[in-house]
Structures are given as structure tokens and as C-alpha cells.
N, C-alpha and C. Protein backbone atom coordinates (compact mmCIF):
# COMPACT_ATOMS: atom_id res chain seq x y z
N MET A 1 -7.49 -7.22 -2.25
CA MET A 1 -7.35 -7.54 -0.85
C MET A 1 -6.84 -6.32 -0.11
N LYS A 2 -7.07 -6.28 1.15
CA LYS A 2 -6.57 -5.19 1.99
C LYS A 2 -5.37 -5.67 2.80
N LEU A 3 -4.36 -4.82 2.88
CA LEU A 3 -3.20 -5.08 3.71
C LEU A 3 -3.21 -4.10 4.88
N TYR A 4 -2.68 -4.54 6.00
CA TYR A 4 -2.64 -3.73 7.22
C TYR A 4 -1.24 -3.76 7.78
N ARG A 5 -0.78 -2.60 8.22
CA ARG A 5 0.50 -2.50 8.93
C ARG A 5 0.32 -1.54 10.10
N TYR A 6 1.12 -1.75 11.12
CA TYR A 6 1.13 -0.83 12.26
C TYR A 6 2.58 -0.38 12.45
N LEU A 7 2.83 0.87 12.13
CA LEU A 7 4.18 1.42 12.25
C LEU A 7 4.37 1.94 13.67
N THR A 8 5.54 1.66 14.26
CA THR A 8 5.86 2.19 15.59
C THR A 8 7.30 2.67 15.59
N GLY A 9 7.60 3.53 16.52
CA GLY A 9 8.97 4.01 16.68
C GLY A 9 9.00 5.24 17.56
N PRO A 10 10.20 5.68 17.89
CA PRO A 10 10.33 6.91 18.68
C PRO A 10 9.59 8.06 17.99
N ASP A 11 8.99 8.92 18.77
CA ASP A 11 8.25 10.06 18.22
C ASP A 11 9.25 11.11 17.75
N ASP A 12 9.77 10.90 16.54
CA ASP A 12 10.78 11.81 16.00
C ASP A 12 10.60 11.97 14.49
N LYS A 13 11.51 12.71 13.89
CA LYS A 13 11.44 12.97 12.45
C LYS A 13 11.48 11.68 11.64
N ALA A 14 12.30 10.71 12.06
CA ALA A 14 12.43 9.46 11.32
C ALA A 14 11.10 8.71 11.26
N PHE A 15 10.36 8.72 12.38
CA PHE A 15 9.05 8.06 12.37
C PHE A 15 8.11 8.77 11.40
N CYS A 16 8.09 10.08 11.45
CA CYS A 16 7.23 10.85 10.54
C CYS A 16 7.61 10.58 9.08
N MET A 17 8.88 10.43 8.80
CA MET A 17 9.32 10.13 7.44
C MET A 17 8.87 8.73 7.01
N ARG A 18 8.88 7.76 7.93
CA ARG A 18 8.40 6.41 7.60
C ARG A 18 6.91 6.44 7.25
N VAL A 19 6.13 7.19 8.02
CA VAL A 19 4.70 7.30 7.71
C VAL A 19 4.51 8.03 6.39
N SER A 20 5.24 9.11 6.17
CA SER A 20 5.13 9.87 4.92
C SER A 20 5.52 9.01 3.72
N THR A 21 6.57 8.23 3.85
CA THR A 21 6.98 7.33 2.77
C THR A 21 5.87 6.34 2.45
N ALA A 22 5.29 5.74 3.48
CA ALA A 22 4.19 4.78 3.26
C ALA A 22 3.01 5.45 2.56
N LEU A 23 2.66 6.66 2.97
CA LEU A 23 1.55 7.37 2.33
C LEU A 23 1.84 7.61 0.86
N ASN A 24 3.08 7.94 0.54
CA ASN A 24 3.46 8.18 -0.85
C ASN A 24 3.61 6.90 -1.66
N GLN A 25 3.56 5.74 -0.98
CA GLN A 25 3.58 4.45 -1.66
C GLN A 25 2.17 3.88 -1.79
N GLY A 26 1.17 4.70 -1.48
CA GLY A 26 -0.22 4.27 -1.67
C GLY A 26 -0.94 3.77 -0.43
N TRP A 27 -0.26 3.75 0.72
CA TRP A 27 -0.91 3.36 1.97
C TRP A 27 -1.79 4.50 2.45
N THR A 28 -2.82 4.19 3.25
CA THR A 28 -3.75 5.18 3.79
C THR A 28 -3.77 5.05 5.31
N LEU A 29 -3.84 6.20 5.99
CA LEU A 29 -3.95 6.16 7.45
C LEU A 29 -5.21 5.43 7.86
N TYR A 30 -5.12 4.64 8.92
CA TYR A 30 -6.27 3.91 9.44
C TYR A 30 -6.39 4.25 10.93
N GLY A 31 -7.35 5.08 11.26
CA GLY A 31 -7.50 5.52 12.64
C GLY A 31 -6.49 6.60 12.98
N GLY A 32 -6.52 7.00 14.21
CA GLY A 32 -5.62 8.05 14.67
C GLY A 32 -4.31 7.49 15.18
N PRO A 33 -3.33 8.35 15.34
CA PRO A 33 -2.04 7.91 15.87
C PRO A 33 -2.14 7.60 17.36
N THR A 34 -1.18 6.83 17.85
CA THR A 34 -1.09 6.54 19.28
C THR A 34 0.24 7.07 19.79
N LEU A 35 0.30 7.31 21.07
CA LEU A 35 1.52 7.80 21.69
C LEU A 35 1.60 7.21 23.09
N SER A 36 2.74 6.63 23.42
CA SER A 36 2.93 6.07 24.76
C SER A 36 4.36 6.34 25.21
N PHE A 37 4.61 6.10 26.48
CA PHE A 37 5.94 6.31 27.05
C PHE A 37 6.46 4.97 27.51
N ASN A 38 7.65 4.57 27.05
CA ASN A 38 8.19 3.26 27.40
C ASN A 38 9.19 3.30 28.56
N GLY A 39 9.22 4.40 29.28
CA GLY A 39 10.16 4.54 30.39
C GLY A 39 11.42 5.31 30.00
N GLN A 40 11.67 5.42 28.70
CA GLN A 40 12.84 6.15 28.21
C GLN A 40 12.46 7.27 27.25
N HIS A 41 11.50 7.00 26.35
CA HIS A 41 11.10 8.01 25.38
C HIS A 41 9.68 7.74 24.91
N MET A 42 9.12 8.72 24.23
CA MET A 42 7.78 8.59 23.68
C MET A 42 7.84 7.69 22.44
N VAL A 43 6.86 6.79 22.33
CA VAL A 43 6.76 5.88 21.20
C VAL A 43 5.47 6.18 20.45
N ALA A 44 5.60 6.48 19.17
CA ALA A 44 4.44 6.79 18.33
C ALA A 44 4.04 5.54 17.56
N GLY A 45 2.76 5.46 17.23
CA GLY A 45 2.26 4.37 16.42
C GLY A 45 1.20 4.88 15.46
N GLN A 46 1.13 4.25 14.28
CA GLN A 46 0.12 4.62 13.31
C GLN A 46 -0.23 3.40 12.47
N ALA A 47 -1.52 3.07 12.43
CA ALA A 47 -1.99 1.98 11.58
C ALA A 47 -2.19 2.52 10.17
N ILE A 48 -1.86 1.69 9.17
CA ILE A 48 -2.05 2.06 7.77
C ILE A 48 -2.62 0.85 7.03
N ILE A 49 -3.39 1.13 5.97
CA ILE A 49 -3.95 0.07 5.15
C ILE A 49 -3.72 0.38 3.68
N LYS A 50 -3.79 -0.68 2.85
CA LYS A 50 -3.61 -0.51 1.41
C LYS A 50 -4.41 -1.58 0.69
N GLU A 51 -5.13 -1.17 -0.33
CA GLU A 51 -5.89 -2.10 -1.18
C GLU A 51 -4.98 -2.50 -2.35
N VAL A 52 -4.81 -3.81 -2.54
CA VAL A 52 -3.97 -4.31 -3.63
C VAL A 52 -4.68 -5.45 -4.35
N ASP A 53 -4.23 -5.75 -5.55
CA ASP A 53 -4.78 -6.87 -6.31
C ASP A 53 -4.30 -8.20 -5.71
N GLY A 54 -5.03 -9.25 -5.97
CA GLY A 54 -4.63 -10.58 -5.53
C GLY A 54 -5.48 -11.09 -4.39
N GLU A 55 -5.15 -12.30 -3.96
CA GLU A 55 -5.86 -12.93 -2.86
C GLU A 55 -4.96 -12.98 -1.63
N PHE A 56 -5.58 -12.87 -0.48
CA PHE A 56 -4.82 -12.87 0.77
C PHE A 56 -4.16 -14.22 1.02
N SER A 57 -2.96 -14.17 1.55
CA SER A 57 -2.20 -15.36 1.92
C SER A 57 -1.33 -15.00 3.12
N GLN A 58 -1.10 -15.95 3.99
CA GLN A 58 -0.20 -15.73 5.14
C GLN A 58 1.24 -15.50 4.70
N ASP A 59 1.56 -15.81 3.44
CA ASP A 59 2.92 -15.68 2.93
C ASP A 59 3.22 -14.32 2.32
N ILE A 60 2.27 -13.38 2.39
CA ILE A 60 2.49 -12.04 1.82
C ILE A 60 3.62 -11.35 2.57
N ASP A 61 4.54 -10.76 1.81
CA ASP A 61 5.66 -10.04 2.40
C ASP A 61 5.34 -8.54 2.41
N LEU A 62 5.10 -7.99 3.60
CA LEU A 62 4.80 -6.56 3.73
C LEU A 62 6.12 -5.78 3.74
N PRO A 63 6.17 -4.66 3.03
CA PRO A 63 7.39 -3.85 3.02
C PRO A 63 7.69 -3.29 4.40
N ASN A 64 8.97 -3.07 4.70
CA ASN A 64 9.39 -2.56 6.00
C ASN A 64 9.56 -1.07 6.06
N SER A 65 9.32 -0.36 4.98
CA SER A 65 9.55 1.09 5.01
C SER A 65 8.49 1.80 5.79
């Protein structure tokens, strides 16, 4: 099955580390990054996907890293 996550956060080192951690856990970038301004700071976003064994269920717990 395929899993999908969309990571968001301030456009800073911590966000880049979250994406890097996910990549090193087997996730793959899906599409290009996004960047928006929320009135206070820039917010980055990146979709990621991962192929895993098993069948899809609404009860799947996606990691927060």
C-alpha cells in the first residue's frame, strides 16, 4: 500500500531536518515543495509517499517525524 504525508512548518533548518529524516526512513518526495506566507513567516510544505506492506486502513498510524 502507499502512504502519503504532507509536512509543513516554518521555512527553517528544523523543517529541512524533518524532511531529511523522513527521506532517510524510506519516504520519497512527491511533487515539488510549496512556500507561502502566513502573515508572520514563510511556511514550507512538502508531500512525501512511502510504499509499505499490508492493506490500507483508516486506522493506520503515520509517524510524526
